Amino acid sequence: MGQPRTGIIAAVATAAGRGGIGVVRVSGPGLLPFAQALCGKSPEPRCATLCRFSGADGVAIDQGILLYFPAPHSFTGEDVLELQGHGGPVVMQMLLGRCLELGARLAEPGEFSQRAFLNDKLDLVQAEAIADLIEAGTAAAARSALRSLSGEFSREVHALVARLVELRMLVEATLDFPEEEIDVLRDTDAAQRLGRIRADLAGLLGRARAGRLLRSGMQVVLAGLPNVGKSSLLNRLAGDERAIVTAVAGTTRDAVRETIQIEGIPLHIVDTAGLRDTDDVVERMGIERTWREIERADVVVQLVDARTGETPADLEIAALLPVGVERIVVENKCDLARRAPARQARDGVVRLCVSAMTGDGMGLLHDELLRVAGWSGHGEDVVLARERHLEALGVAAEKSALAARQLERIELCAEELRLAQEALSRITGEFSADDLLGEIFSRFCIGK
């Protein structure tokens, strides 16, 4: 967005298209004359005012509700007007055009939230949570975004920063006033304090990593030989006939995608062409695409026929899978093999026996996918984290670990703690040069 711009801004705040109600939002300084020119009335703060929105010629554009929120008690911290009219696109554009005639300019993407941040109505985490709430693809993601918007994540970060500041104060006091000959670090249990900070950082980082799944989900690729039931498994997971299932080998020629939810986690399931040597040009192109999908996968579910178990051809496919990509072997058609659903871990690989046709054992697959996702034990306490949050938390955890190893070298410990605090402060956008000396004199009794 570049440098923040000033003045009055306006934009349509409701989704494009037709609706019962549409909203044009206006923000800027001194909007009472603006409202008077728009509807001929001076609205009461935070009261719904029924009025006619008129053009420059006095002709009515629409009849609706005007809401006025005077600064600083508004979303942006500035004067804000909300014009609620009938939700047709033509009406909305006419209302917006009238606002521009009165001196507003068209708001840039995210500028209302940017002004809220600059006016200390939101921190960066809360501003990002607005976008996350709008874009949430699952109920769990929406609930997590709402918690961040209410400040839950920010409060945890602030609490950690405050504890780091307090610990830094003790370390800096020892560094700056050695003549006191007081072992401040020992007397104040600095090592134990730092240990508790590290433990809480690790817990928050784990919840943030789990929360990242709520935003982006996990890429799951179904792979294997032809006719082992990949398309049947996709249909069973999706609860619908999304892929064509026949007894003819090579029916699936291209990747078929479906997004499902398991405990609120989006799983992007990709059914792929069966892997085999073929002279069919179209099928060979599908197989090439299968390998490209496998390269991008978070987990590969390799299907084999439960009646034969893993054949040399299956093992050859397994050997070609990318290193580091988790593999779950699903022995499908357990009903035809007269075997009960089961889970077995052998040689570092989990093997499940299921039936995509009957649904037997699907709960085992659901549980295994959640395990691979790292979701086990998480629920309503997850943090809907972005990549920058994870990076900052990771840096803070790394620097606090280095500080713990440098407790005998005070100047190095102090620097690592400073870097840890700086990383955490970047999350909420509140990093600034600190004055630790003032903190020491105000909170720690020295030189008495």
Protein backbone atom coordinates (compact mmCIF):
# COMPACT_ATOMS: atom_id res chain seq x y z
CA MET A 1 0.00 0.00 0.00
CA GLY A 2 2.97 2.30 0.46
CA GLN A 3 2.97 5.33 2.73
CA PRO A 4 -0.35 6.05 4.48
CA ARG A 5 -2.43 8.77 2.84
CA THR A 6 -4.72 11.24 4.53
CA GLY A 7 -8.07 12.82 3.75
CA ILE A 8 -11.55 11.38 3.45
CA ILE A 9 -11.87 7.91 1.95
CA ALA A 10 -14.95 5.99 0.78
CA ALA A 11 -15.69 2.53 -0.54
CA VAL A 12 -18.49 0.01 -0.94
CA ALA A 13 -18.16 -2.25 2.12
CA THR A 14 -20.48 -5.06 1.03
CA ALA A 15 -19.82 -7.80 -1.49
CA ALA A 16 -20.28 -7.20 -5.20
CA GLY A 17 -23.62 -8.16 -6.69
CA ARG A 18 -27.21 -7.71 -5.61
CA GLY A 19 -28.44 -7.88 -2.02
CA GLY A 20 -31.17 -6.62 0.25
CA ILE A 21 -28.83 -4.05 1.82
CA GLY A 22 -25.59 -2.49 0.66
CA VAL A 23 -23.18 -0.34 2.66
CA VAL A 24 -20.89 2.50 1.64
CA ARG A 25 -18.33 3.36 4.31
CA VAL A 26 -16.70 6.77 4.65
CA SER A 27 -13.82 7.68 7.00
CA GLY A 28 -11.94 10.91 7.59
CA PRO A 29 -11.82 14.12 9.60
CA GLY A 30 -14.86 16.32 10.22
CA LEU A 31 -17.62 14.36 8.48
CA LEU A 32 -20.66 16.19 9.88
CA PRO A 33 -20.76 18.73 6.99
CA PHE A 34 -20.26 15.76 4.63
CA ALA A 35 -23.31 14.02 6.11
CA GLN A 36 -25.34 17.25 6.00
CA ALA A 37 -24.62 17.68 2.28
CA LEU A 38 -25.43 14.02 1.58
CA CYS A 39 -28.78 13.73 3.36
CA GLY A 40 -29.75 17.21 4.56
CA LYS A 41 -29.57 16.24 8.22
CA SER A 42 -27.01 16.41 10.99
CA PRO A 43 -27.00 12.88 12.40
CA GLU A 44 -26.79 11.99 16.08
CA PRO A 45 -23.73 9.93 17.05
CA ARG A 46 -24.32 6.17 17.01
CA CYS A 47 -28.01 6.53 16.18
CA ALA A 48 -29.72 5.19 13.06
CA THR A 49 -30.97 8.13 10.99
CA LEU A 50 -33.55 7.47 8.30
CA CYS A 51 -32.88 9.80 5.38
CA ARG A 52 -32.84 10.35 1.64
CA PHE A 53 -29.39 10.28 0.03
CA SER A 54 -29.42 13.06 -2.56
CA GLY A 55 -27.25 14.01 -5.48
CA ALA A 56 -25.79 17.47 -6.12
CA ASP A 57 -28.99 18.43 -7.97
CA GLY A 58 -31.14 17.45 -4.99
CA VAL A 59 -32.59 14.44 -6.73
CA ALA A 60 -32.85 11.40 -4.45
CA ILE A 61 -30.39 8.59 -5.08
CA ASP A 62 -31.83 6.22 -2.48
CA GLN A 63 -33.57 6.10 0.87
CA GLY A 64 -31.79 4.34 3.71
CA ILE A 65 -30.06 4.55 7.06
CA LEU A 66 -27.15 6.82 7.96
CA LEU A 67 -24.92 5.91 10.93
CA TYR A 68 -22.40 8.39 12.30
CA PHE A 69 -19.49 7.37 14.55
CA PRO A 70 -17.46 10.41 15.69
CA ALA A 71 -13.75 10.09 16.37
CA PRO A 72 -12.15 8.47 18.25
CA HIS A 73 -15.00 6.04 18.95
CA SER A 74 -15.07 4.32 15.59
CA PHE A 75 -13.41 1.44 13.78
CA THR A 76 -10.74 3.63 12.19
CA GLY A 77 -10.42 6.11 15.07
CA GLU A 78 -11.61 8.87 12.69
CA ASP A 79 -15.12 10.14 11.97
CA VAL A 80 -16.93 7.33 10.16
CA LEU A 81 -20.18 7.31 8.18
CA GLU A 82 -22.00 4.16 7.10
CA LEU A 83 -24.58 4.64 4.37
CA GLN A 84 -26.97 1.70 4.33
CA GLY A 85 -29.02 1.61 1.17
CA HIS A 86 -30.67 -0.91 -1.10
CA GLY A 87 -28.08 -3.41 -2.22
CA GLY A 88 -28.16 -3.05 -5.97
CA PRO A 89 -24.82 -2.45 -7.68
CA VAL A 90 -26.13 0.64 -9.54
CA VAL A 91 -27.41 2.23 -6.31
CA MET A 92 -24.14 1.50 -4.52
CA GLN A 93 -22.09 3.04 -7.32
CA MET A 94 -24.33 6.12 -7.35
CA LEU A 95 -23.91 6.55 -3.59
CA LEU A 96 -20.16 6.06 -3.87
CA GLY A 97 -20.00 8.53 -6.75
CA ARG A 98 -21.82 11.13 -4.67
CA CYS A 99 -19.28 10.64 -1.84
CA LEU A 100 -16.46 11.21 -4.30
CA GLU A 101 -18.18 14.39 -5.54
CA LEU A 102 -18.25 15.65 -1.94
CA GLY A 103 -14.47 15.36 -1.67
CA ALA A 104 -13.78 11.78 -0.69
CA ARG A 105 -11.38 9.64 -2.63
CA LEU A 106 -11.68 5.92 -3.32
CA ALA A 107 -10.12 3.91 -0.49
CA GLU A 108 -7.21 1.66 -1.31
CA PRO A 109 -7.46 -2.06 -0.46
CA GLY A 110 -7.21 -2.50 3.29
CA GLU A 111 -6.99 1.24 3.97
CA PHE A 112 -9.77 1.30 6.58
CA SER A 113 -7.95 -1.37 8.57
CA GLN A 114 -4.65 0.43 8.02
CA ARG A 115 -6.09 3.60 9.52
CA ALA A 116 -7.44 1.61 12.46
CA PHE A 117 -3.92 0.26 13.04
CA LEU A 118 -2.27 3.68 12.70
CA ASN A 119 -4.78 5.15 15.17
CA ASP A 120 -4.14 2.39 17.71
CA LYS A 121 -7.57 0.81 17.33
CA LEU A 122 -6.05 -2.49 16.19
CA ASP A 123 -2.62 -4.08 16.25
CA LEU A 124 -1.24 -5.95 13.24
CA VAL A 125 -2.51 -9.33 14.43
CA GLN A 126 -6.04 -8.01 14.81
CA ALA A 127 -5.89 -6.29 11.43
CA GLU A 128 -4.81 -9.54 9.78
CA ALA A 129 -7.55 -11.39 11.67
CA ILE A 130 -10.16 -9.29 9.86
CA ALA A 131 -8.97 -10.69 6.53
CA ASP A 132 -8.71 -14.18 8.00
CA LEU A 133 -12.28 -14.00 9.31
CA ILE A 134 -13.58 -12.91 5.92
CA GLU A 135 -11.62 -15.62 4.10
CA ALA A 136 -12.25 -18.42 6.62
CA GLY A 137 -13.08 -21.65 4.83
CA THR A 138 -14.23 -23.60 7.90
CA ALA A 139 -16.14 -22.87 11.09
CA ALA A 140 -13.03 -23.69 13.12
CA ALA A 141 -10.98 -21.16 11.12
CA ALA A 142 -13.67 -18.51 11.61
CA ARG A 143 -13.75 -19.08 15.37
CA SER A 144 -9.96 -18.87 15.58
CA ALA A 145 -9.89 -15.67 13.51
CA LEU A 146 -12.55 -14.13 15.75
CA ARG A 147 -10.46 -14.93 18.83
CA SER A 148 -7.47 -13.19 17.25
CA LEU A 149 -9.64 -10.22 16.31
CA SER A 150 -10.78 -9.92 19.93
CA GLY A 151 -7.12 -9.69 20.93
CA GLU A 152 -6.52 -13.15 22.42
CA PHE A 153 -3.36 -13.88 20.41
CA SER A 154 -2.09 -10.32 20.93
CA ARG A 155 -2.54 -10.56 24.69
CA GLU A 156 -0.45 -13.74 24.81
CA VAL A 157 2.31 -12.08 22.78
CA HIS A 158 2.18 -8.95 24.97
CA ALA A 159 2.44 -11.09 28.10
CA LEU A 160 5.54 -12.84 26.75
CA VAL A 161 7.09 -9.52 25.75
CA ALA A 162 6.44 -8.11 29.23
CA ARG A 163 8.15 -11.10 30.83
CA LEU A 164 11.11 -10.76 28.48
CA VAL A 165 11.38 -7.05 29.31
CA GLU A 166 11.40 -7.86 33.01
CA LEU A 167 14.08 -10.49 32.53
CA ARG A 168 16.13 -8.13 30.38
CA MET A 169 15.84 -5.52 33.10
CA LEU A 170 17.41 -7.91 35.60
CA VAL A 171 20.18 -8.92 33.21
CA GLU A 172 20.92 -5.31 32.20
CA ALA A 173 21.03 -4.30 35.85
CA THR A 174 23.73 -6.90 36.51
CA LEU A 175 25.60 -5.77 33.40
CA ASP A 176 25.39 -2.01 34.04
CA PHE A 177 25.95 -2.03 37.80
CA PRO A 178 28.58 -4.69 38.56
CA GLU A 179 29.88 -2.73 41.55
CA GLU A 180 26.75 -3.66 43.49
CA GLU A 181 28.19 -7.15 43.81
CA ILE A 182 24.72 -8.66 43.96
CA ASP A 183 24.05 -11.83 42.03
CA VAL A 184 20.75 -10.60 40.65
CA LEU A 185 20.35 -13.52 38.25
CA ARG A 186 20.68 -16.05 41.05
CA ASP A 187 18.59 -14.20 43.59
CA THR A 188 15.72 -13.64 41.15
CA ASP A 189 15.70 -17.16 39.62
CA ALA A 190 16.51 -15.78 36.17
CA ALA A 191 17.22 -19.24 34.77
CA GLN A 192 13.84 -20.54 35.94
CA ARG A 193 12.08 -17.46 34.57
CA LEU A 194 13.71 -17.94 31.22
CA GLY A 195 12.81 -21.64 31.26
CA ARG A 196 9.14 -20.81 31.81
CA ILE A 197 9.24 -18.23 29.01
CA ARG A 198 10.75 -20.80 26.66
CA ALA A 199 8.10 -23.37 27.59
CA ASP A 200 5.27 -20.91 26.97
CA LEU A 201 6.87 -19.83 23.68
CA ALA A 202 7.07 -23.46 22.56
CA GLY A 203 3.42 -23.99 23.45
CA LEU A 204 2.31 -20.91 21.54
CA LEU A 205 4.43 -21.89 18.54
CA GLY A 206 2.88 -25.37 18.51
CA ARG A 207 -0.64 -23.93 18.59
CA ALA A 208 0.30 -21.46 15.84
CA ARG A 209 1.62 -24.26 13.63
CA ALA A 210 -1.60 -26.17 14.15
CA GLY A 211 -3.56 -23.02 13.38
CA ARG A 212 -1.75 -22.60 10.08
CA LEU A 213 -3.58 -25.75 8.95
CA LEU A 214 -6.87 -23.93 9.46
CA ARG A 215 -5.78 -21.30 6.95
CA SER A 216 -4.11 -23.35 4.23
CA GLY A 217 -5.06 -26.98 4.89
CA MET A 218 -3.00 -30.01 3.90
CA GLN A 219 -2.35 -31.40 0.42
CA VAL A 220 -3.19 -35.11 0.30
CA VAL A 221 -2.40 -37.05 -2.91
CA LEU A 222 -3.95 -40.46 -3.58
CA ALA A 223 -1.46 -42.52 -5.59
CA GLY A 224 -0.92 -46.10 -6.62
CA LEU A 225 -1.35 -48.63 -9.40
CA PRO A 226 -4.47 -48.56 -11.58
CA ASN A 227 -7.66 -50.10 -10.17
CA VAL A 228 -6.65 -50.09 -6.50
CA GLY A 229 -9.59 -47.83 -5.59
CA LYS A 230 -8.17 -44.29 -5.57
CA SER A 231 -11.30 -42.77 -7.12
CA SER A 232 -13.55 -44.81 -4.82
CA LEU A 233 -11.59 -43.51 -1.84
CA LEU A 234 -11.91 -39.91 -3.06
CA ASN A 235 -15.67 -40.37 -3.43
CA ARG A 236 -15.89 -41.89 0.06
CA LEU A 237 -13.89 -39.03 1.60
CA ALA A 238 -15.94 -36.42 -0.27
CA GLY A 239 -19.26 -38.10 0.46
CA ASP A 240 -20.23 -37.74 -3.19
CA GLU A 241 -19.53 -39.23 -6.60
CA ARG A 242 -16.78 -36.81 -7.57
CA ALA A 243 -14.68 -39.20 -9.65
CA ILE A 244 -15.68 -41.80 -12.24
CA VAL A 245 -15.23 -45.36 -10.99
CA THR A 246 -15.02 -48.27 -13.44
CA ALA A 247 -13.30 -51.63 -13.63
CA VAL A 248 -11.30 -50.38 -16.60
CA ALA A 249 -7.67 -49.63 -15.69
CA GLY A 250 -6.56 -46.11 -16.53
CA THR A 251 -10.03 -44.49 -16.26
CA THR A 252 -8.61 -41.53 -14.33
CA ARG A 253 -6.49 -39.53 -16.77
CA ASP A 254 -6.16 -36.23 -14.94
CA ALA A 255 -6.02 -35.05 -11.34
CA VAL A 256 -9.42 -34.74 -9.65
CA ARG A 257 -9.47 -32.40 -6.66
CA GLU A 258 -11.82 -32.16 -3.73
CA THR A 259 -11.53 -30.26 -0.44
CA ILE A 260 -12.98 -31.90 2.64
CA GLN A 261 -12.96 -31.09 6.35
CA ILE A 262 -11.96 -33.36 9.20
CA GLU A 263 -12.46 -31.71 12.61
CA GLY A 264 -12.39 -28.33 10.87
CA ILE A 265 -9.08 -28.98 9.07
CA PRO A 266 -9.28 -28.43 5.28
CA LEU A 267 -7.77 -31.38 3.43
CA HIS A 268 -7.19 -30.90 -0.29
CA ILE A 269 -7.55 -34.41 -1.69
CA VAL A 270 -6.13 -35.09 -5.16
CA ASP A 271 -7.07 -38.27 -7.02
CA THR A 272 -4.47 -39.08 -9.66
CA ALA A 273 -3.92 -41.31 -12.64
CA GLY A 274 -2.75 -44.85 -11.88
CA LEU A 275 1.02 -45.26 -12.05
CA ARG A 276 2.13 -47.81 -14.63
CA ASP A 277 4.01 -48.12 -17.91
CA THR A 278 1.70 -47.36 -20.80
CA ASP A 279 1.82 -46.58 -24.51
CA ASP A 280 -1.34 -44.47 -24.29
CA VAL A 281 -0.23 -40.87 -24.89
CA VAL A 282 -3.08 -39.29 -22.92
CA GLU A 283 -2.66 -41.68 -19.99
CA ARG A 284 1.09 -41.05 -19.97
CA MET A 285 0.44 -37.29 -19.70
CA GLY A 286 -1.84 -38.00 -16.74
CA ILE A 287 0.88 -40.06 -15.07
CA GLU A 288 3.36 -37.20 -15.51
CA ARG A 289 0.89 -34.89 -13.81
CA THR A 290 0.52 -37.42 -11.01
CA TRP A 291 4.22 -37.18 -10.22
CA ARG A 292 4.02 -33.38 -10.25
CA GLU A 293 1.18 -33.54 -7.72
CA ILE A 294 3.20 -35.94 -5.57
CA GLU A 295 6.11 -33.48 -5.53
CA ARG A 296 3.80 -30.84 -4.02
CA ALA A 297 2.10 -33.17 -1.53
CA ASP A 298 2.19 -32.88 2.25
CA VAL A 299 1.27 -36.55 2.51
CA VAL A 300 0.92 -39.35 -0.06
CA VAL A 301 -1.75 -41.96 0.55
CA GLN A 302 -0.49 -44.94 -1.43
CA LEU A 303 -3.28 -47.38 -2.17
CA VAL A 304 -2.62 -51.09 -2.68
CA ASP A 305 -5.03 -53.99 -3.14
CA ALA A 306 -5.68 -55.72 0.20
CA ARG A 307 -6.05 -59.05 -1.63
CA THR A 308 -2.44 -59.01 -2.79
CA GLY A 309 -0.74 -56.70 -0.29
CA GLU A 310 2.24 -54.66 -1.43
CA THR A 311 3.52 -56.07 -4.70
CA PRO A 312 6.95 -55.42 -6.25
CA ALA A 313 5.26 -52.79 -8.43
CA ASP A 314 3.88 -51.05 -5.31
CA LEU A 315 7.32 -51.10 -3.69
CA GLU A 316 8.81 -49.61 -6.84
CA ILE A 317 6.36 -46.69 -6.62
CA ALA A 318 7.21 -46.23 -2.93
CA ALA A 319 10.90 -46.07 -3.75
CA LEU A 320 10.29 -43.22 -6.20
CA LEU A 321 8.36 -41.02 -3.77
CA PRO A 322 10.12 -37.80 -2.70
CA VAL A 323 12.25 -38.01 0.42
CA GLY A 324 10.62 -36.30 3.38
CA VAL A 325 7.03 -36.64 2.18
CA GLU A 326 4.98 -38.67 4.64
CA ARG A 327 3.53 -41.90 3.21
CA ILE A 328 0.47 -43.75 4.44
CA VAL A 329 -0.14 -47.15 2.90
CA VAL A 330 -3.85 -47.94 2.56
CA GLU A 331 -4.67 -51.55 1.78
CA ASN A 332 -8.03 -51.05 0.13
CA LYS A 333 -10.83 -53.58 -0.57
CA CYS A 334 -10.55 -55.27 2.82
CA ASP A 335 -14.14 -56.47 2.34
CA LEU A 336 -13.11 -58.47 -0.74
CA ALA A 337 -10.03 -59.79 1.07
CA ARG A 338 -12.25 -60.83 4.02
CA ARG A 339 -10.07 -58.81 6.40
CA ALA A 340 -11.15 -56.55 9.26
CA PRO A 341 -10.18 -52.87 9.30
CA ALA A 342 -6.86 -52.45 11.09
CA ARG A 343 -3.90 -50.16 11.66
CA GLN A 344 -0.31 -51.34 11.76
CA ALA A 345 2.97 -49.40 12.00
CA ARG A 346 5.94 -51.22 10.51
CA ASP A 347 9.36 -50.00 9.36
CA GLY A 348 8.37 -46.40 10.07
CA VAL A 349 5.32 -46.58 7.78
CA VAL A 350 1.68 -46.74 8.88
CA ARG A 351 -0.47 -49.29 7.06
CA LEU A 352 -4.24 -49.20 7.20
CA CYS A 353 -6.69 -51.84 6.05
CA VAL A 354 -9.95 -50.23 4.84
CA SER A 355 -12.76 -50.55 2.34
CA ALA A 356 -13.52 -47.46 0.30
CA MET A 357 -16.61 -49.23 -1.08
CA THR A 358 -18.26 -50.01 2.29
CA GLY A 359 -16.63 -47.29 4.37
CA ASP A 360 -15.15 -49.74 6.86
CA GLY A 361 -11.97 -48.37 8.44
CA MET A 362 -12.44 -44.79 7.20
CA GLY A 363 -12.25 -43.55 10.77
CA LEU A 364 -8.72 -44.97 10.93
CA LEU A 365 -7.76 -42.96 7.85
CA HIS A 366 -9.30 -39.78 9.28
CA ASP A 367 -7.32 -40.21 12.50
CA GLU A 368 -4.11 -40.88 10.60
CA LEU A 369 -4.48 -37.78 8.44
CA LEU A 370 -5.02 -35.67 11.57
CA ARG A 371 -1.93 -37.24 13.12
CA VAL A 372 0.19 -36.37 10.10
CA ALA A 373 -1.22 -32.85 10.18
CA GLY A 374 -0.08 -32.53 13.79
CA TRP A 375 -3.60 -31.74 14.93
CA SER A 376 -3.81 -34.24 17.76
CA GLY A 377 -4.74 -32.57 21.05
CA HIS A 378 -5.55 -29.18 19.48
CA GLY A 379 -8.97 -27.60 19.45
CA GLU A 380 -10.37 -24.25 20.42
CA ASP A 381 -7.00 -22.92 21.62
CA VAL A 382 -5.31 -22.84 18.21
CA VAL A 383 -3.91 -19.60 16.81
CA LEU A 384 -4.78 -18.81 13.21
CA ALA A 385 -1.19 -17.96 12.35
CA ARG A 386 0.37 -16.53 9.24
CA GLU A 387 3.84 -17.36 7.99
CA ARG A 388 5.31 -14.17 9.46
CA HIS A 389 3.87 -15.05 12.89
CA LEU A 390 5.47 -18.48 12.75
CA GLU A 391 8.77 -17.00 11.64
CA ALA A 392 8.76 -14.44 14.47
CA LEU A 393 7.80 -17.04 17.10
CA GLY A 394 10.52 -19.34 15.77
CA VAL A 395 13.15 -16.59 16.00
CA ALA A 396 12.02 -15.72 19.53
CA ALA A 397 12.25 -19.38 20.56
CA GLU A 398 15.71 -19.71 19.00
CA LYS A 399 17.03 -16.52 20.62
CA SER A 400 15.63 -17.41 24.05
CA ALA A 401 17.33 -20.81 23.79
CA LEU A 402 20.62 -19.10 22.97
CA ALA A 403 20.09 -16.76 25.93
CA ALA A 404 19.66 -19.76 28.23
CA ARG A 405 23.02 -21.09 27.10
CA GLN A 406 24.70 -17.70 27.69
CA LEU A 407 23.53 -17.01 31.24
CA GLU A 408 27.15 -17.05 32.44
CA ARG A 409 28.08 -14.44 29.82
CA ILE A 410 25.73 -11.63 30.71
CA GLU A 411 26.37 -9.34 27.75
CA LEU A 412 25.63 -12.14 25.25
CA CYS A 413 22.56 -13.23 27.18
CA ALA A 414 21.25 -9.66 27.18
CA GLU A 415 21.65 -9.39 23.41
CA GLU A 416 19.80 -12.66 22.73
CA LEU A 417 16.95 -11.59 25.00
CA ARG A 418 16.75 -8.28 23.14
CA LEU A 419 16.50 -10.09 19.81
CA ALA A 420 13.83 -12.41 21.19
CA GLN A 421 11.77 -9.44 22.37
CA GLU A 422 12.24 -7.66 19.03
CA ALA A 423 10.99 -10.73 17.13
CA LEU A 424 7.85 -11.01 19.27
CA SER A 425 7.12 -7.29 19.01
CA ARG A 426 7.12 -7.58 15.22
CA ILE A 427 4.04 -9.80 15.46
CA THR A 428 1.82 -7.02 16.79
CA GLY A 429 3.69 -4.24 14.98
CA GLU A 430 4.80 -2.57 18.20
CA PHE A 431 8.57 -2.97 17.96
CA SER A 432 10.40 0.23 18.76
CA ALA A 433 13.69 1.30 20.32
CA ASP A 434 13.26 0.70 24.04
CA ASP A 435 14.66 2.62 26.98
CA LEU A 436 15.65 -0.11 29.40
CA LEU A 437 17.37 2.31 31.75
CA GLY A 438 14.04 3.96 32.54
CA GLU A 439 12.56 0.51 33.07
CA ILE A 440 15.33 -0.35 35.51
CA PHE A 441 14.92 2.81 37.58
CA SER A 442 11.14 2.54 37.69
CA ARG A 443 10.85 -1.13 38.57
CA PHE A 444 14.10 -2.32 40.11
CA CYS A 445 15.60 -0.91 43.26
CA ILE A 446 19.32 -0.22 42.74
CA GLY A 447 21.96 2.16 44.04
CA LYS A 448 20.15 2.79 47.29
